[in-house]
Amino acid sequence: MSNKKWVVYLARCSDNSLYCGISNDIENRLVEHNSGRGARYTRSRRPVELVAIGPEMTKKEALKLEYKIKKLPAGKKTAELTWKQDGMTNLKKDLQALNSDIRSLEKKMEKLIMEFDKGKKVKE
């Protein structure tokens, strides 16, 4: 069993159609497509160029995502891969922004508490 990670990719063919596939060696797979040894669909639609690539995953996950993408209309295929790839990145950025906001609020609260304590001491 291979430890290599698999990716789902979209390639744009010379007739402007999209081809969706999976690979554990994307560079070699594109060479195969462009040399005519790739998928039957791309043989008569060369050259192909890589349009989008998903994150690394297991072969089982890649096959499931490929199947899901192949059922989508062409306009949504790239968006599905982009979401899968950027989903964790966006989540990480959102969490970092939230963390920054929390730190900012903590500083404001500390200032308010200090001002409150100063005001209390002045009145005593």
N, C-alpha and C. Protein backbone atom coordinates (compact mmCIF):
# COMPACT_ATOMS: atom_id res chain seq x y z
N MET A 1 0.84 -1.18 0.00
CA MET A 1 0.00 0.00 0.00
C MET A 1 0.88 1.24 0.00
N SER A 2 0.56 2.20 -0.84
CA SER A 2 1.38 3.39 -1.01
C SER A 2 1.10 4.42 0.08
N ASN A 3 2.16 5.05 0.59
CA ASN A 3 2.01 6.12 1.57
C ASN A 3 1.88 7.47 0.90
N LYS A 4 1.94 7.50 -0.43
CA LYS A 4 1.84 8.76 -1.14
C LYS A 4 0.46 9.37 -0.93
N LYS A 5 0.43 10.68 -0.94
CA LYS A 5 -0.83 11.40 -0.81
C LYS A 5 -1.42 11.62 -2.20
N TRP A 6 -2.72 11.61 -2.27
CA TRP A 6 -3.43 11.78 -3.51
C TRP A 6 -4.06 13.17 -3.55
N VAL A 7 -4.23 13.68 -4.77
CA VAL A 7 -4.90 14.96 -4.98
C VAL A 7 -5.94 14.81 -6.08
N VAL A 8 -6.95 15.65 -6.00
CA VAL A 8 -7.93 15.77 -7.07
C VAL A 8 -7.52 17.00 -7.86
N TYR A 9 -7.58 16.91 -9.18
CA TYR A 9 -7.18 18.05 -10.00
C TYR A 9 -8.19 18.28 -11.11
N LEU A 10 -8.20 19.51 -11.60
CA LEU A 10 -8.98 19.87 -12.77
C LEU A 10 -8.02 20.35 -13.84
N ALA A 11 -8.22 19.86 -15.03
CA ALA A 11 -7.40 20.29 -16.16
C ALA A 11 -8.33 20.86 -17.23
N ARG A 12 -7.92 21.96 -17.83
CA ARG A 12 -8.69 22.55 -18.93
C ARG A 12 -8.12 22.02 -20.23
N CYS A 13 -9.00 21.48 -21.05
CA CYS A 13 -8.60 20.92 -22.34
C CYS A 13 -8.61 22.00 -23.41
N SER A 14 -8.04 21.67 -24.58
CA SER A 14 -7.95 22.65 -25.67
C SER A 14 -9.32 23.10 -26.16
N ASP A 15 -10.36 22.29 -25.98
CA ASP A 15 -11.71 22.68 -26.39
C ASP A 15 -12.44 23.44 -25.27
N ASN A 16 -11.69 23.82 -24.23
CA ASN A 16 -12.19 24.60 -23.09
C ASN A 16 -13.04 23.77 -22.13
N SER A 17 -13.09 22.47 -22.30
CA SER A 17 -13.82 21.62 -21.36
C SER A 17 -12.91 21.32 -20.17
N LEU A 18 -13.51 20.86 -19.09
CA LEU A 18 -12.75 20.52 -17.89
C LEU A 18 -12.67 19.01 -17.72
N TYR A 19 -11.51 18.55 -17.31
CA TYR A 19 -11.32 17.14 -16.98
C TYR A 19 -10.95 17.06 -15.51
N CYS A 20 -11.63 16.20 -14.77
CA CYS A 20 -11.35 16.00 -13.35
C CYS A 20 -10.73 14.62 -13.17
N GLY A 21 -9.66 14.56 -12.39
CA GLY A 21 -9.01 13.28 -12.13
C GLY A 21 -8.30 13.30 -10.80
N ILE A 22 -7.70 12.16 -10.44
CA ILE A 22 -6.92 12.08 -9.22
C ILE A 22 -5.53 11.57 -9.58
N SER A 23 -4.57 11.91 -8.74
CA SER A 23 -3.20 11.45 -8.99
C SER A 23 -2.39 11.54 -7.71
N ASN A 24 -1.37 10.71 -7.62
CA ASN A 24 -0.40 10.84 -6.53
C ASN A 24 0.93 11.38 -7.07
N ASP A 25 0.94 11.75 -8.36
CA ASP A 25 2.10 12.38 -9.00
C ASP A 25 1.57 13.30 -10.09
N ILE A 26 1.15 14.47 -9.70
CA ILE A 26 0.43 15.37 -10.61
C ILE A 26 1.28 15.80 -11.81
N GLU A 27 2.57 16.05 -11.62
CA GLU A 27 3.41 16.48 -12.74
C GLU A 27 3.47 15.39 -13.81
N ASN A 28 3.69 14.16 -13.39
CA ASN A 28 3.75 13.04 -14.32
C ASN A 28 2.40 12.83 -15.01
N ARG A 29 1.32 13.01 -14.26
CA ARG A 29 -0.01 12.81 -14.82
C ARG A 29 -0.29 13.82 -15.92
N LEU A 30 0.11 15.06 -15.73
CA LEU A 30 -0.09 16.07 -16.77
C LEU A 30 0.74 15.76 -18.02
N VAL A 31 1.95 15.25 -17.82
CA VAL A 31 2.78 14.83 -18.95
C VAL A 31 2.07 13.72 -19.72
N GLU A 32 1.49 12.77 -18.99
CA GLU A 32 0.76 11.67 -19.64
C GLU A 32 -0.41 12.21 -20.45
N HIS A 33 -1.19 13.13 -19.86
CA HIS A 33 -2.32 13.71 -20.59
C HIS A 33 -1.85 14.39 -21.87
N ASN A 34 -0.80 15.18 -21.78
CA ASN A 34 -0.34 15.96 -22.93
C ASN A 34 0.41 15.13 -23.97
N SER A 35 0.84 13.92 -23.60
CA SER A 35 1.52 13.06 -24.57
C SER A 35 0.54 12.08 -25.22
N GLY A 36 -0.70 12.09 -24.78
CA GLY A 36 -1.70 11.19 -25.37
C GLY A 36 -1.80 9.86 -24.65
N ARG A 37 -1.06 9.68 -23.56
CA ARG A 37 -1.12 8.42 -22.82
C ARG A 37 -2.03 8.53 -21.59
N GLY A 38 -2.66 9.70 -21.41
CA GLY A 38 -3.52 9.92 -20.25
C GLY A 38 -4.90 9.33 -20.48
N ALA A 39 -5.87 9.96 -19.89
CA ALA A 39 -7.26 9.49 -20.00
C ALA A 39 -7.75 9.58 -21.44
N ARG A 40 -8.66 8.70 -21.79
CA ARG A 40 -9.23 8.68 -23.13
C ARG A 40 -9.85 10.03 -23.47
N TYR A 41 -10.50 10.66 -22.49
CA TYR A 41 -11.17 11.94 -22.71
C TYR A 41 -10.19 13.02 -23.18
N THR A 42 -9.00 13.04 -22.61
CA THR A 42 -8.05 14.12 -22.92
C THR A 42 -7.21 13.84 -24.17
N ARG A 43 -7.20 12.63 -24.66
CA ARG A 43 -6.35 12.28 -25.81
C ARG A 43 -6.62 13.13 -27.03
N SER A 44 -7.89 13.41 -27.29
CA SER A 44 -8.23 14.20 -28.48
C SER A 44 -8.44 15.67 -28.15
N ARG A 45 -8.14 16.06 -26.92
CA ARG A 45 -8.37 17.43 -26.49
C ARG A 45 -7.09 18.08 -25.95
N ARG A 46 -5.96 17.68 -26.51
CA ARG A 46 -4.68 18.21 -26.07
C ARG A 46 -4.39 19.54 -26.71
N PRO A 47 -3.60 20.37 -26.06
CA PRO A 47 -2.97 20.18 -24.76
C PRO A 47 -3.93 20.49 -23.62
N VAL A 48 -3.60 19.96 -22.46
CA VAL A 48 -4.37 20.26 -21.25
C VAL A 48 -3.47 21.07 -20.32
N GLU A 49 -4.11 21.91 -19.51
CA GLU A 49 -3.35 22.67 -18.51
C GLU A 49 -4.06 22.58 -17.19
N LEU A 50 -3.29 22.55 -16.14
CA LEU A 50 -3.82 22.44 -14.79
C LEU A 50 -4.56 23.72 -14.42
N VAL A 51 -5.79 23.56 -13.93
CA VAL A 51 -6.62 24.71 -13.55
C VAL A 51 -6.71 24.82 -12.03
N ALA A 52 -6.90 23.68 -11.38
CA ALA A 52 -7.04 23.68 -9.92
C ALA A 52 -6.57 22.35 -9.38
N ILE A 53 -6.13 22.41 -8.13
CA ILE A 53 -5.67 21.19 -7.46
C ILE A 53 -6.13 21.25 -6.02
N GLY A 54 -6.61 20.13 -5.53
CA GLY A 54 -7.10 20.07 -4.15
C GLY A 54 -5.98 19.73 -3.18
N PRO A 55 -6.34 19.64 -1.91
CA PRO A 55 -5.35 19.31 -0.89
C PRO A 55 -4.99 17.82 -0.95
N GLU A 56 -3.91 17.46 -0.29
CA GLU A 56 -3.52 16.06 -0.23
C GLU A 56 -4.51 15.30 0.63
N MET A 57 -4.81 14.06 0.23
CA MET A 57 -5.76 13.22 0.96
C MET A 57 -5.48 11.76 0.62
N THR A 58 -6.22 10.88 1.26
CA THR A 58 -6.06 9.46 0.95
C THR A 58 -6.70 9.18 -0.40
N LYS A 59 -6.38 8.05 -0.98
CA LYS A 59 -6.93 7.68 -2.27
C LYS A 59 -8.45 7.56 -2.19
N LYS A 60 -8.93 6.99 -1.11
CA LYS A 60 -10.38 6.83 -0.93
C LYS A 60 -11.08 8.19 -0.90
N GLU A 61 -10.50 9.14 -0.15
CA GLU A 61 -11.08 10.48 -0.08
C GLU A 61 -11.04 11.16 -1.45
N ALA A 62 -9.93 10.98 -2.17
CA ALA A 62 -9.77 11.59 -3.49
C ALA A 62 -10.80 11.05 -4.48
N LEU A 63 -11.03 9.75 -4.44
CA LEU A 63 -12.02 9.14 -5.33
C LEU A 63 -13.42 9.66 -5.03
N LYS A 64 -13.74 9.83 -3.74
CA LYS A 64 -15.05 10.35 -3.37
C LYS A 64 -15.23 11.79 -3.84
N LEU A 65 -14.20 12.60 -3.64
CA LEU A 65 -14.28 14.00 -4.07
C LEU A 65 -14.36 14.10 -5.59
N GLU A 66 -13.58 13.28 -6.29
CA GLU A 66 -13.62 13.28 -7.75
C GLU A 66 -15.03 12.95 -8.24
N TYR A 67 -15.64 11.95 -7.66
CA TYR A 67 -17.00 11.55 -8.04
C TYR A 67 -17.98 12.69 -7.80
N LYS A 68 -17.84 13.35 -6.65
CA LYS A 68 -18.71 14.48 -6.31
C LYS A 68 -18.53 15.63 -7.31
N ILE A 69 -17.28 15.94 -7.64
CA ILE A 69 -16.99 17.03 -8.56
C ILE A 69 -17.49 16.72 -9.97
N LYS A 70 -17.35 15.48 -10.42
CA LYS A 70 -17.78 15.12 -11.76
C LYS A 70 -19.29 15.28 -11.93
N LYS A 71 -20.05 15.27 -10.85
CA LYS A 71 -21.51 15.45 -10.92
C LYS A 71 -21.91 16.93 -10.96
N LEU A 72 -20.97 17.83 -10.65
CA LEU A 72 -21.28 19.26 -10.61
C LEU A 72 -21.23 19.89 -12.00
N PRO A 73 -21.97 21.02 -12.17
CA PRO A 73 -21.82 21.78 -13.42
C PRO A 73 -20.41 22.38 -13.49
N ALA A 74 -19.93 22.63 -14.68
CA ALA A 74 -18.55 23.10 -14.88
C ALA A 74 -18.20 24.31 -14.03
N GLY A 75 -19.09 25.27 -13.92
CA GLY A 75 -18.81 26.48 -13.17
C GLY A 75 -18.56 26.27 -11.69
N LYS A 76 -19.09 25.20 -11.13
CA LYS A 76 -18.94 24.94 -9.71
C LYS A 76 -17.78 24.02 -9.38
N LYS A 77 -17.20 23.39 -10.37
CA LYS A 77 -16.12 22.42 -10.13
C LYS A 77 -14.90 23.08 -9.51
N THR A 78 -14.47 24.19 -10.07
CA THR A 78 -13.30 24.88 -9.54
C THR A 78 -13.58 25.38 -8.14
N ALA A 79 -14.78 25.89 -7.91
CA ALA A 79 -15.15 26.40 -6.59
C ALA A 79 -15.09 25.29 -5.55
N GLU A 80 -15.50 24.10 -5.88
CA GLU A 80 -15.48 22.98 -4.93
C GLU A 80 -14.05 22.65 -4.53
N LEU A 81 -13.15 22.61 -5.49
CA LEU A 81 -11.75 22.32 -5.17
C LEU A 81 -11.14 23.46 -4.38
N THR A 82 -11.44 24.69 -4.77
CA THR A 82 -10.89 25.85 -4.06
C THR A 82 -11.36 25.84 -2.62
N TRP A 83 -12.63 25.53 -2.41
CA TRP A 83 -13.15 25.49 -1.03
C TRP A 83 -12.44 24.42 -0.24
N LYS A 84 -12.27 23.24 -0.81
CA LYS A 84 -11.59 22.15 -0.10
C LYS A 84 -10.16 22.56 0.25
N GLN A 85 -9.49 23.20 -0.69
CA GLN A 85 -8.09 23.57 -0.48
C GLN A 85 -7.97 24.74 0.49
N ASP A 86 -8.82 25.75 0.31
CA ASP A 86 -8.71 26.96 1.11
C ASP A 86 -9.51 26.91 2.40
N GLY A 87 -10.37 25.92 2.53
CA GLY A 87 -11.22 25.86 3.71
C GLY A 87 -10.45 25.92 5.01
N MET A 88 -9.40 25.11 5.14
CA MET A 88 -8.61 25.11 6.37
C MET A 88 -7.80 26.38 6.50
N THR A 89 -7.31 26.88 5.38
CA THR A 89 -6.54 28.13 5.41
C THR A 89 -7.42 29.27 5.88
N ASN A 90 -8.64 29.35 5.33
CA ASN A 90 -9.56 30.41 5.73
C ASN A 90 -9.96 30.26 7.18
N LEU A 91 -10.19 29.03 7.62
CA LEU A 91 -10.55 28.79 9.01
C LEU A 91 -9.42 29.23 9.92
N LYS A 92 -8.20 28.92 9.55
CA LYS A 92 -7.04 29.32 10.34
C LYS A 92 -6.94 30.84 10.41
N LYS A 93 -7.14 31.51 9.28
CA LYS A 93 -7.10 32.97 9.26
C LYS A 93 -8.21 33.56 10.13
N ASP A 94 -9.40 32.97 10.05
CA ASP A 94 -10.52 33.46 10.87
C ASP A 94 -10.22 33.29 12.36
N LEU A 95 -9.64 32.16 12.72
CA LEU A 95 -9.30 31.92 14.13
C LEU A 95 -8.21 32.88 14.59
N GLN A 96 -7.24 33.15 13.74
CA GLN A 96 -6.18 34.10 14.10
C GLN A 96 -6.76 35.50 14.30
N ALA A 97 -7.68 35.90 13.43
CA ALA A 97 -8.31 37.21 13.56
C ALA A 97 -9.13 37.28 14.84
N LEU A 98 -9.86 36.21 15.13
CA LEU A 98 -10.65 36.15 16.36
C LEU A 98 -9.74 36.23 17.58
N ASN A 99 -8.63 35.53 17.55
CA ASN A 99 -7.67 35.55 18.65
C ASN A 99 -7.12 36.97 18.84
N SER A 100 -6.84 37.65 17.75
CA SER A 100 -6.35 39.02 17.82
C SER A 100 -7.41 39.94 18.44
N ASP A 101 -8.65 39.75 18.04
CA ASP A 101 -9.75 40.55 18.61
C ASP A 101 -9.89 40.30 20.11
N ILE A 102 -9.74 39.06 20.51
CA ILE A 102 -9.85 38.72 21.94
C ILE A 102 -8.73 39.39 22.72
N ARG A 103 -7.50 39.35 22.18
CA ARG A 103 -6.38 40.01 22.86
C ARG A 103 -6.61 41.52 22.98
N SER A 104 -7.16 42.11 21.94
CA SER A 104 -7.45 43.54 21.96
C SER A 104 -8.50 43.86 23.02
N LEU A 105 -9.53 43.02 23.11
CA LEU A 105 -10.56 43.22 24.13
C LEU A 105 -9.99 43.04 25.54
N GLU A 106 -9.09 42.08 25.70
CA GLU A 106 -8.46 41.88 27.01
C GLU A 106 -7.70 43.13 27.44
N LYS A 107 -6.97 43.74 26.51
CA LYS A 107 -6.22 44.96 26.83
C LYS A 107 -7.16 46.09 27.20
N LYS A 108 -8.26 46.23 26.47
CA LYS A 108 -9.24 47.27 26.78
C LYS A 108 -9.85 47.05 28.16
N MET A 109 -10.13 45.79 28.47
CA MET A 109 -10.70 45.46 29.79
C MET A 109 -9.71 45.80 30.90
N GLU A 110 -8.44 45.48 30.69
CA GLU A 110 -7.42 45.81 31.69
C GLU A 110 -7.34 47.31 31.92
N LYS A 111 -7.40 48.09 30.83
CA LYS A 111 -7.37 49.55 30.96
C LYS A 111 -8.60 50.06 31.73
N LEU A 112 -9.75 49.51 31.41
CA LEU A 112 -10.98 49.93 32.10
C LEU A 112 -10.92 49.59 33.58
N ILE A 113 -10.40 48.43 33.90
CA ILE A 113 -10.28 48.02 35.31
C ILE A 113 -9.31 48.94 36.03
N MET A 114 -8.19 49.28 35.38
CA MET A 114 -7.22 50.19 36.00
C MET A 114 -7.85 51.57 36.22
N GLU A 115 -8.58 52.08 35.23
CA GLU A 115 -9.24 53.37 35.37
C GLU A 115 -10.29 53.33 36.48
N PHE A 116 -11.01 52.23 36.55
CA PHE A 116 -12.02 52.07 37.58
C PHE A 116 -11.37 52.07 38.97
N ASP A 117 -10.28 51.30 39.09
CA ASP A 117 -9.56 51.25 40.37
C ASP A 117 -9.00 52.63 40.73
N LYS A 118 -8.48 53.38 39.79
CA LYS A 118 -7.96 54.73 40.04
C LYS A 118 -9.08 55.64 40.52
N GLY A 119 -10.22 55.56 39.87
CA GLY A 119 -11.38 56.37 40.25
C GLY A 119 -11.85 56.02 41.63
N LYS A 120 -11.79 54.78 42.00
CA LYS A 120 -12.21 54.31 43.32
C LYS A 120 -11.29 54.88 44.39
N LYS A 121 -9.99 54.87 44.10
CA LYS A 121 -9.00 55.36 45.07
C LYS A 121 -9.12 56.86 45.27
N VAL A 122 -9.45 57.59 44.20
CA VAL A 122 -9.58 59.04 44.30
C VAL A 122 -10.77 59.40 45.19
N LYS A 123 -11.86 58.66 45.12
CA LYS A 123 -13.06 58.95 45.89
C LYS A 123 -12.91 58.60 47.35
N GLU A 124 -12.04 57.67 47.69
CA GLU A 124 -11.90 57.21 49.08
C GLU A 124 -11.25 58.20 49.97
